[in-house]
Amino acid sequence: MAEYRRRRPDSSTFVLDLLAEQLDALAPDGGRSHDVVDLGGGTGGSATALAGRGHRVTVVEPSPDALASLERRTAEAGLTGRITGRQGDAADLLDLLGPASADVVVCHRVLDVVDSAADALAAMAAVLRPGGLLSLLVAQRDAAVLAHALAGHLALARQTYADRSRFDHGSVVRLVEAAGFTVVASHGVGAIAALVAESVLDAQPGARADLAALESEVSQDPAFRALAPHLHVLARVD
């Protein structure tokens, strides 16, 4: 895993580390770059990290402003030719890219806002080559319930708990499997980090590294995974 320095462990870094490990496992000799689709990739935070590791990344993003920022960021990072921006969303994936055109689809914080999660996952499966990998990050209902309650918003906590359209581990796994994927691994992200005060991290030498290690250690424990603000699922298309 990457080393965390002078900052709180965050979901983006943790998840990109998980994805990088999986991509390395696909090509253990390090000699293969992959065709990656970053759905809803915005201004390219994930795309630049992946392209920097030698992969070819297509960012599919509905916002033209975000795509313009992506182009500038790509040039500044010296990654021109490795990152391509295409305007669209999950519903446009097949038309934009064609079937069996990618090795990896990255879908981080997007499935929560699409009109149909099932249709979006089906489109992701269709653009992946056989054995292709899905990196999926979603917000979890149970963690939102707890956060609202601790903040004193009890009515909102009850509404959130009753909203079964929000994701938890079981519902995400069922959706992913119904779309033709096999789940490889699932991790809770942020279960501990969200509860530790910044003052504790500043006061104790090595606290940030210990927090990062603890997050990694508990991320696959079902009890902690259920309370994590985000759930990351790695899955392969059958």
Protein backbone atom coordinates (compact mmCIF):
# COMPACT_ATOMS: atom_id res chain seq x y z
CA MET A 1 0.00 0.00 0.00
CA ALA A 2 1.15 3.59 -0.57
CA GLU A 3 2.60 5.50 2.35
CA TYR A 4 0.39 8.23 3.83
CA ARG A 5 2.26 11.37 4.88
CA ARG A 6 1.05 14.30 6.98
CA ARG A 7 -2.61 13.87 6.18
CA ARG A 8 -5.59 11.83 7.08
CA PRO A 9 -6.09 8.65 5.02
CA ASP A 10 -8.76 9.37 2.40
CA SER A 11 -10.96 7.15 0.31
CA SER A 12 -9.46 8.16 -3.05
CA THR A 13 -5.90 7.25 -2.07
CA PHE A 14 -6.91 4.01 -0.38
CA VAL A 15 -9.06 2.89 -3.31
CA LEU A 16 -6.46 3.79 -5.92
CA ASP A 17 -3.94 1.72 -3.98
CA LEU A 18 -6.33 -1.24 -4.04
CA LEU A 19 -6.91 -0.83 -7.76
CA ALA A 20 -3.20 -0.46 -8.50
CA GLU A 21 -2.49 -3.71 -6.66
CA GLN A 22 -5.15 -5.50 -8.70
CA LEU A 23 -3.81 -4.12 -11.98
CA ASP A 24 -0.31 -5.21 -11.02
CA ALA A 25 -1.70 -8.68 -10.36
CA LEU A 26 -3.15 -8.75 -13.89
CA ALA A 27 0.36 -8.21 -15.27
CA PRO A 28 2.83 -9.31 -12.56
CA ASP A 29 5.83 -8.61 -14.79
CA GLY A 30 4.75 -4.97 -14.98
CA GLY A 31 4.97 -5.08 -18.73
CA ARG A 32 1.38 -4.47 -19.74
CA SER A 33 -0.57 -1.25 -19.76
CA HIS A 34 -4.34 -1.48 -19.63
CA ASP A 35 -7.19 0.34 -21.35
CA VAL A 36 -9.05 2.02 -18.49
CA VAL A 37 -12.42 3.78 -18.60
CA ASP A 38 -12.99 6.29 -15.80
CA LEU A 39 -16.74 6.86 -15.70
CA GLY A 40 -17.64 10.25 -14.29
CA GLY A 41 -13.94 10.93 -13.86
CA GLY A 42 -14.34 14.69 -13.57
CA THR A 43 -11.11 16.68 -13.83
CA GLY A 44 -8.91 13.59 -13.76
CA GLY A 45 -7.80 12.85 -10.22
CA SER A 46 -7.96 9.10 -10.74
CA ALA A 47 -7.08 9.29 -14.43
CA THR A 48 -3.77 11.06 -13.89
CA ALA A 49 -2.78 8.62 -11.16
CA LEU A 50 -3.52 5.63 -13.40
CA ALA A 51 -1.98 7.15 -16.52
CA GLY A 52 1.10 7.93 -14.47
CA ARG A 53 1.46 4.20 -13.92
CA GLY A 54 1.49 3.63 -17.68
CA HIS A 55 -2.16 2.87 -18.38
CA ARG A 56 -4.29 4.43 -21.14
CA VAL A 57 -7.32 6.17 -19.64
CA THR A 58 -10.54 7.37 -21.26
CA VAL A 59 -12.51 9.70 -19.00
CA VAL A 60 -16.25 9.66 -19.73
CA GLU A 61 -17.68 12.80 -18.12
CA PRO A 62 -20.91 14.76 -18.80
CA SER A 63 -19.52 18.18 -17.84
CA PRO A 64 -17.71 20.10 -20.61
CA ASP A 65 -16.09 22.34 -17.98
CA ALA A 66 -14.65 19.30 -16.20
CA LEU A 67 -13.35 17.96 -19.50
CA ALA A 68 -11.64 21.28 -20.24
CA SER A 69 -9.97 21.14 -16.82
CA LEU A 70 -9.01 17.52 -17.51
CA GLU A 71 -7.27 18.55 -20.74
CA ARG A 72 -5.25 21.23 -18.93
CA ARG A 73 -4.39 18.88 -16.07
CA THR A 74 -3.29 16.19 -18.50
CA ALA A 75 -0.96 18.59 -20.31
CA GLU A 76 0.50 19.94 -17.05
CA ALA A 77 1.18 16.38 -15.87
CA GLY A 78 2.93 15.50 -19.14
CA LEU A 79 0.37 12.77 -19.86
CA THR A 80 -0.94 13.94 -23.23
CA GLY A 81 -1.71 10.88 -25.33
CA ARG A 82 -2.40 8.70 -22.31
CA ILE A 83 -5.64 10.38 -21.21
CA THR A 84 -8.62 11.05 -23.49
CA GLY A 85 -11.79 12.87 -22.49
CA ARG A 86 -15.19 11.95 -23.94
CA GLN A 87 -18.41 13.76 -23.10
CA GLY A 88 -21.16 11.44 -21.90
CA ASP A 89 -22.40 9.33 -19.02
CA ALA A 90 -23.19 5.71 -18.19
CA ALA A 91 -26.01 5.59 -20.71
CA ASP A 92 -23.57 6.56 -23.49
CA LEU A 93 -20.81 4.07 -22.72
CA LEU A 94 -21.50 1.55 -25.48
CA ASP A 95 -22.07 4.21 -28.12
CA LEU A 96 -18.90 6.07 -27.14
CA LEU A 97 -16.55 3.12 -26.70
CA GLY A 98 -18.06 0.03 -28.29
CA PRO A 99 -18.34 -3.46 -26.81
CA ALA A 100 -15.37 -5.28 -25.31
CA SER A 101 -13.14 -2.23 -25.65
CA ALA A 102 -11.68 -1.86 -22.14
CA ASP A 103 -9.75 -3.87 -19.58
CA VAL A 104 -10.90 -1.84 -16.56
CA VAL A 105 -13.87 0.36 -15.70
CA VAL A 106 -13.50 2.76 -12.79
CA CYS A 107 -16.85 3.88 -11.37
CA HIS A 108 -16.24 5.90 -8.22
CA ARG A 109 -19.12 7.81 -6.58
CA VAL A 110 -21.21 7.58 -9.76
CA LEU A 111 -23.55 4.63 -9.23
CA ASP A 112 -25.24 6.56 -6.40
CA VAL A 113 -26.53 9.21 -8.82
CA VAL A 114 -27.42 7.36 -12.04
CA ASP A 115 -31.06 6.85 -13.00
CA SER A 116 -30.70 3.05 -13.05
CA ALA A 117 -27.84 1.32 -11.27
CA ALA A 118 -28.68 -1.97 -12.98
CA ASP A 119 -28.57 -0.44 -16.47
CA ALA A 120 -25.32 1.38 -15.70
CA LEU A 121 -23.63 -1.81 -14.48
CA ALA A 122 -24.86 -3.68 -17.54
CA ALA A 123 -23.25 -1.04 -19.78
CA MET A 124 -19.99 -1.31 -17.84
CA ALA A 125 -20.00 -5.08 -18.24
CA ALA A 126 -20.63 -4.72 -21.97
CA VAL A 127 -17.62 -2.45 -22.61
CA LEU A 128 -15.25 -4.74 -20.69
CA ARG A 129 -13.28 -7.49 -22.36
CA PRO A 130 -13.60 -11.02 -20.93
CA GLY A 131 -11.97 -11.07 -17.51
CA GLY A 132 -12.10 -7.27 -17.32
CA LEU A 133 -12.14 -5.54 -13.97
CA LEU A 134 -14.66 -3.18 -12.35
CA SER A 135 -13.58 -0.80 -9.57
CA LEU A 136 -16.77 0.42 -7.90
CA LEU A 137 -17.03 2.94 -5.05
CA VAL A 138 -20.39 3.82 -3.50
CA ALA A 139 -21.65 5.56 -0.38
CA GLN A 140 -23.22 3.30 2.26
CA ARG A 141 -26.62 3.83 3.86
CA ASP A 142 -25.74 2.58 7.37
CA ALA A 143 -22.83 5.00 7.74
CA ALA A 144 -25.02 7.90 6.60
CA VAL A 145 -27.64 6.94 9.21
CA LEU A 146 -25.02 6.98 11.95
CA ALA A 147 -23.51 10.27 10.76
CA HIS A 148 -26.90 12.00 10.71
CA ALA A 149 -27.78 10.68 14.16
CA LEU A 150 -24.45 11.75 15.71
CA ALA A 151 -24.93 15.22 14.21
CA GLY A 152 -28.33 15.47 15.91
CA HIS A 153 -30.39 15.10 12.71
CA LEU A 154 -32.51 12.26 14.01
CA ALA A 155 -35.45 12.67 11.62
CA LEU A 156 -33.05 12.63 8.68
CA ALA A 157 -31.34 9.57 10.13
CA ARG A 158 -34.68 7.76 10.22
CA GLN A 159 -35.50 8.80 6.67
CA THR A 160 -32.12 7.61 5.45
CA TYR A 161 -32.48 4.26 7.19
CA ALA A 162 -35.91 3.76 5.59
CA ASP A 163 -34.59 4.61 2.11
CA ARG A 164 -33.84 1.20 0.65
CA SER A 165 -32.67 2.72 -2.62
CA ARG A 166 -29.41 3.59 -0.80
CA PHE A 167 -26.64 1.05 -0.99
CA ASP A 168 -25.24 -1.38 1.53
CA HIS A 169 -22.87 -4.30 1.01
CA GLY A 170 -25.58 -6.85 0.26
CA SER A 171 -27.48 -4.70 -2.25
CA VAL A 172 -24.30 -3.73 -4.11
CA VAL A 173 -23.09 -7.32 -4.38
CA ARG A 174 -26.48 -8.43 -5.70
CA LEU A 175 -26.51 -5.68 -8.34
CA VAL A 176 -22.96 -6.41 -9.44
CA GLU A 177 -23.56 -10.14 -9.71
CA ALA A 178 -26.84 -9.62 -11.60
CA ALA A 179 -24.90 -7.60 -14.20
CA GLY A 180 -22.62 -10.56 -14.89
CA PHE A 181 -19.71 -9.82 -12.58
CA THR A 182 -17.98 -11.98 -9.99
CA VAL A 183 -16.93 -10.09 -6.87
CA VAL A 184 -13.19 -10.39 -6.20
CA ALA A 185 -12.99 -8.31 -3.02
CA SER A 186 -14.93 -5.71 -1.06
CA HIS A 187 -13.56 -3.16 1.38
CA GLY A 188 -15.11 -0.64 3.71
CA VAL A 189 -13.40 2.73 3.35
CA GLY A 190 -13.17 5.27 6.17
CA ALA A 191 -14.75 3.30 9.01
CA ILE A 192 -12.17 4.51 11.54
CA ALA A 193 -10.77 7.64 9.91
CA ALA A 194 -14.10 9.45 9.97
CA LEU A 195 -14.27 9.13 13.77
CA VAL A 196 -10.73 10.11 14.80
CA ALA A 197 -10.21 13.75 15.77
CA GLU A 198 -7.57 15.73 13.91
CA SER A 199 -6.11 16.80 17.24
CA VAL A 200 -5.28 13.17 18.03
CA LEU A 201 -3.44 12.78 14.75
CA ASP A 202 -1.49 15.99 15.32
CA ALA A 203 -0.56 15.15 18.91
CA GLN A 204 0.73 11.60 18.57
CA PRO A 205 3.86 10.81 16.55
CA GLY A 206 3.13 8.18 13.94
CA ALA A 207 -0.64 8.47 14.45
CA ARG A 208 -1.40 9.06 10.78
CA ALA A 209 0.56 6.01 9.68
CA ASP A 210 -1.11 3.94 12.41
CA LEU A 211 -4.54 5.16 11.30
CA ALA A 212 -3.80 4.26 7.67
CA ALA A 213 -2.63 0.79 8.74
CA LEU A 214 -5.70 0.30 10.93
CA GLU A 215 -8.02 1.35 8.10
CA SER A 216 -6.42 -1.26 5.88
CA GLU A 217 -6.59 -3.95 8.56
CA VAL A 218 -10.31 -3.52 9.33
CA SER A 219 -11.47 -2.78 5.77
CA GLN A 220 -12.60 -6.36 5.07
CA ASP A 221 -14.00 -7.08 8.53
CA PRO A 222 -17.80 -7.27 7.99
CA ALA A 223 -18.56 -5.38 11.21
CA PHE A 224 -16.38 -2.40 10.31
CA ARG A 225 -17.18 -2.63 6.60
CA ALA A 226 -20.87 -2.10 7.35
CA LEU A 227 -20.14 1.19 9.14
CA ALA A 228 -17.71 2.61 6.59
CA PRO A 229 -18.92 5.73 4.75
CA HIS A 230 -17.89 4.15 1.44
CA LEU A 231 -17.78 0.64 0.06
CA HIS A 232 -15.28 -0.39 -2.59
CA VAL A 233 -16.00 -3.49 -4.68
CA LEU A 234 -13.59 -5.08 -7.13
CA ALA A 235 -15.28 -7.43 -9.58
CA ARG A 236 -14.49 -9.28 -12.81
CA VAL A 237 -16.85 -9.64 -15.72
CA ASP A 238 -17.71 -13.29 -16.39
